[in-house]
């Protein structure tokens, strides 16, 4: 749970940059590949990450309405990435304008429960990391290079002339 808005903003900016790294690695040829009928495509996971920003933001009172609620996913990965950047920035601005450190302990109704506003911020980051993790596995399975997010990826180790850690 966050108790300081600036701590969230710092983390959100870092995590958003990681999400953009993942989105940037998706190709138009691989975006819709379904590796299993029960697993979402890269494109669907990317759109789900974006939709969740506005859905949770609206439920928590950061946005007055959910502008993506009835929208279809954009046609290209470049467009998806642009929409992600837009709403990631709008979330940052809304948190800074509408919430204070003092009210991060206030509760808001979320998915049949009551969550503190600080918990909402934590879940936004955890949710995004969770789905990015799914995306990296799919990327590997469809032959895409995976960017390092919290340290070098296999490809990045190789580019440094070093063996990947095993």
Protein backbone atom coordinates (compact mmCIF):
# COMPACT_ATOMS: atom_id res chain seq x y z
CA UNK A 1 0.00 0.00 0.00
CA UNK A 2 1.30 3.44 -0.86
CA UNK A 3 1.44 6.11 1.81
CA UNK A 4 3.18 8.73 -0.32
CA UNK A 5 2.01 9.88 -3.74
CA UNK A 6 5.50 10.75 -4.94
CA UNK A 7 6.64 7.19 -4.13
CA UNK A 8 3.85 5.89 -6.35
CA UNK A 9 4.67 8.35 -9.15
CA UNK A 10 8.32 7.31 -9.10
CA UNK A 11 7.39 3.62 -9.23
CA UNK A 12 4.64 4.17 -11.83
CA UNK A 13 7.00 6.01 -14.17
CA UNK A 14 9.55 3.18 -13.92
CA UNK A 15 6.92 0.47 -14.40
CA UNK A 16 5.29 2.35 -17.28
CA UNK A 17 8.65 2.54 -19.04
CA UNK A 18 8.94 -1.23 -18.58
CA UNK A 19 5.48 -1.73 -20.09
CA UNK A 20 6.45 0.38 -23.09
CA UNK A 21 9.58 -1.79 -23.50
CA UNK A 22 7.39 -4.89 -23.65
CA UNK A 23 4.87 -3.33 -26.04
CA UNK A 24 7.73 -2.14 -28.27
CA UNK A 25 8.95 -5.71 -28.69
CA UNK A 26 5.66 -6.98 -30.11
CA UNK A 27 5.42 -7.21 -33.88
CA UNK A 28 2.36 -6.88 -36.05
CA UNK A 29 2.98 -10.47 -37.18
CA UNK A 30 2.94 -11.85 -33.62
CA UNK A 31 0.46 -9.60 -31.84
CA UNK A 32 -2.58 -11.84 -32.41
CA UNK A 33 -0.89 -15.25 -32.07
CA UNK A 34 -2.71 -17.53 -29.63
CA UNK A 35 -0.26 -20.06 -28.19
CA UNK A 36 -3.11 -21.81 -26.42
CA UNK A 37 -6.90 -21.35 -26.60
CA UNK A 38 -6.92 -20.44 -22.89
CA UNK A 39 -4.17 -17.82 -23.12
CA UNK A 40 -4.73 -14.28 -24.33
CA UNK A 41 -2.74 -12.94 -27.27
CA UNK A 42 -0.07 -10.27 -26.77
CA UNK A 43 -2.42 -7.72 -28.30
CA UNK A 44 -5.26 -8.67 -25.94
CA UNK A 45 -3.01 -8.56 -22.89
CA UNK A 46 -1.70 -5.14 -23.92
CA UNK A 47 -5.24 -3.81 -24.33
CA UNK A 48 -6.27 -5.34 -20.99
CA UNK A 49 -3.41 -3.50 -19.25
CA UNK A 50 -4.54 -0.23 -20.83
CA UNK A 51 -8.24 -0.78 -20.10
CA UNK A 52 -7.48 -1.50 -16.46
CA UNK A 53 -5.88 1.90 -15.96
CA UNK A 54 -9.10 3.69 -16.87
CA UNK A 55 -11.42 1.09 -15.30
CA UNK A 56 -9.71 1.09 -11.91
CA UNK A 57 -9.06 4.82 -12.15
CA UNK A 58 -12.75 5.47 -12.71
CA UNK A 59 -13.89 3.11 -9.93
CA UNK A 60 -11.45 4.78 -7.54
CA UNK A 61 -12.58 8.31 -8.42
CA UNK A 62 -9.49 9.37 -10.34
CA UNK A 63 -11.42 9.74 -13.61
CA UNK A 64 -14.97 11.03 -13.95
CA UNK A 65 -15.78 8.47 -16.63
CA UNK A 66 -14.11 5.50 -18.27
CA UNK A 67 -13.27 6.65 -21.80
CA UNK A 68 -12.16 3.17 -22.89
CA UNK A 69 -15.11 1.20 -21.51
CA UNK A 70 -16.72 0.50 -24.88
CA UNK A 71 -13.71 1.04 -27.12
CA UNK A 72 -12.16 -1.62 -29.33
CA UNK A 73 -8.42 -2.10 -29.21
CA UNK A 74 -6.47 0.07 -31.64
CA UNK A 75 -5.43 -1.60 -34.88
CA UNK A 76 -1.65 -1.51 -34.44
CA UNK A 77 0.87 -2.01 -31.67
CA UNK A 78 2.12 1.55 -32.26
CA UNK A 79 -1.40 2.85 -31.63
CA UNK A 80 -1.79 0.63 -28.54
CA UNK A 81 1.47 1.99 -27.19
CA UNK A 82 0.38 5.59 -27.81
CA UNK A 83 -2.91 4.99 -25.98
CA UNK A 84 -1.04 3.36 -23.11
CA UNK A 85 1.32 6.33 -22.79
CA UNK A 86 -1.62 8.76 -22.86
CA UNK A 87 -3.58 7.04 -20.07
CA UNK A 88 -0.51 6.28 -18.01
CA UNK A 89 0.23 10.01 -18.01
CA UNK A 90 -3.40 10.89 -17.30
CA UNK A 91 -3.36 8.53 -14.32
CA UNK A 92 -0.23 10.22 -12.99
CA UNK A 93 -1.83 13.63 -13.33
CA UNK A 94 -5.11 12.51 -11.73
CA UNK A 95 -3.34 11.03 -8.71
CA UNK A 96 -1.36 14.25 -8.24
CA UNK A 97 -4.43 16.47 -8.66
CA UNK A 98 -7.14 14.50 -6.85
CA UNK A 99 -5.41 12.63 -4.04
CA UNK A 100 -3.16 13.64 -1.17
CA UNK A 101 -0.85 11.64 1.05
CA UNK A 102 -3.33 12.17 3.85
CA UNK A 103 -6.24 10.54 2.03
CA UNK A 104 -4.40 7.45 0.75
CA UNK A 105 -5.85 5.53 3.71
CA UNK A 106 -9.44 6.40 2.71
CA UNK A 107 -11.35 3.47 1.29
CA UNK A 108 -13.13 3.23 -2.05
CA UNK A 109 -15.38 0.42 -3.28
CA UNK A 110 -13.44 -1.85 -5.65
CA UNK A 111 -14.73 -5.11 -7.11
CA UNK A 112 -17.05 -5.96 -4.21
CA UNK A 113 -14.53 -4.95 -1.56
CA UNK A 114 -13.28 -1.76 0.01
CA UNK A 115 -9.66 -0.87 -0.77
CA UNK A 116 -7.63 2.01 0.53
CA UNK A 117 -6.58 4.45 -2.14
CA UNK A 118 -2.97 3.48 -1.41
CA UNK A 119 -3.90 -0.15 -2.11
CA UNK A 120 -5.50 0.83 -5.42
CA UNK A 121 -2.17 2.33 -6.47
CA UNK A 122 -0.29 -0.82 -5.41
CA UNK A 123 -2.69 -3.06 -7.29
CA UNK A 124 -2.38 -0.97 -10.46
CA UNK A 125 1.37 -1.61 -10.46
CA UNK A 126 1.09 -5.28 -9.47
CA UNK A 127 -1.58 -5.93 -12.08
CA UNK A 128 0.56 -4.46 -14.83
CA UNK A 129 3.65 -6.43 -13.73
CA UNK A 130 1.61 -9.63 -13.61
CA UNK A 131 0.42 -9.27 -17.19
CA UNK A 132 3.82 -8.14 -18.45
CA UNK A 133 5.19 -11.38 -17.05
CA UNK A 134 2.65 -13.33 -19.04
CA UNK A 135 3.62 -11.34 -22.11
CA UNK A 136 7.33 -12.16 -21.78
CA UNK A 137 6.57 -15.87 -21.79
CA UNK A 138 4.40 -15.53 -24.88
CA UNK A 139 7.10 -13.41 -26.52
CA UNK A 140 9.63 -16.20 -25.94
CA UNK A 141 7.24 -18.80 -27.31
CA UNK A 142 6.63 -16.86 -30.53
CA UNK A 143 10.32 -16.13 -31.04
CA UNK A 144 10.48 -12.47 -30.02
CA UNK A 145 13.42 -11.06 -28.07
CA UNK A 146 12.51 -10.15 -24.50
CA UNK A 147 13.75 -6.88 -23.02
CA UNK A 148 15.30 -6.88 -19.58
CA UNK A 149 13.09 -5.11 -17.09
CA UNK A 150 14.80 -5.66 -13.75
CA UNK A 151 18.14 -6.78 -15.12
CA UNK A 152 19.52 -8.09 -18.39
CA UNK A 153 17.53 -10.54 -20.45
CA UNK A 154 19.12 -13.49 -22.21
CA UNK A 155 19.50 -11.41 -25.35
CA UNK A 156 21.05 -8.51 -23.44
CA UNK A 157 23.57 -10.80 -21.73
CA UNK A 158 24.53 -12.12 -25.18
CA UNK A 159 24.91 -8.55 -26.53
CA UNK A 160 27.33 -7.89 -23.66
CA UNK A 161 29.32 -10.95 -24.70
CA UNK A 162 28.43 -12.80 -21.52
CA UNK A 163 26.54 -16.02 -20.93
CA UNK A 164 23.07 -15.63 -19.48
CA UNK A 165 22.85 -16.60 -15.84
CA UNK A 166 21.44 -20.08 -15.35
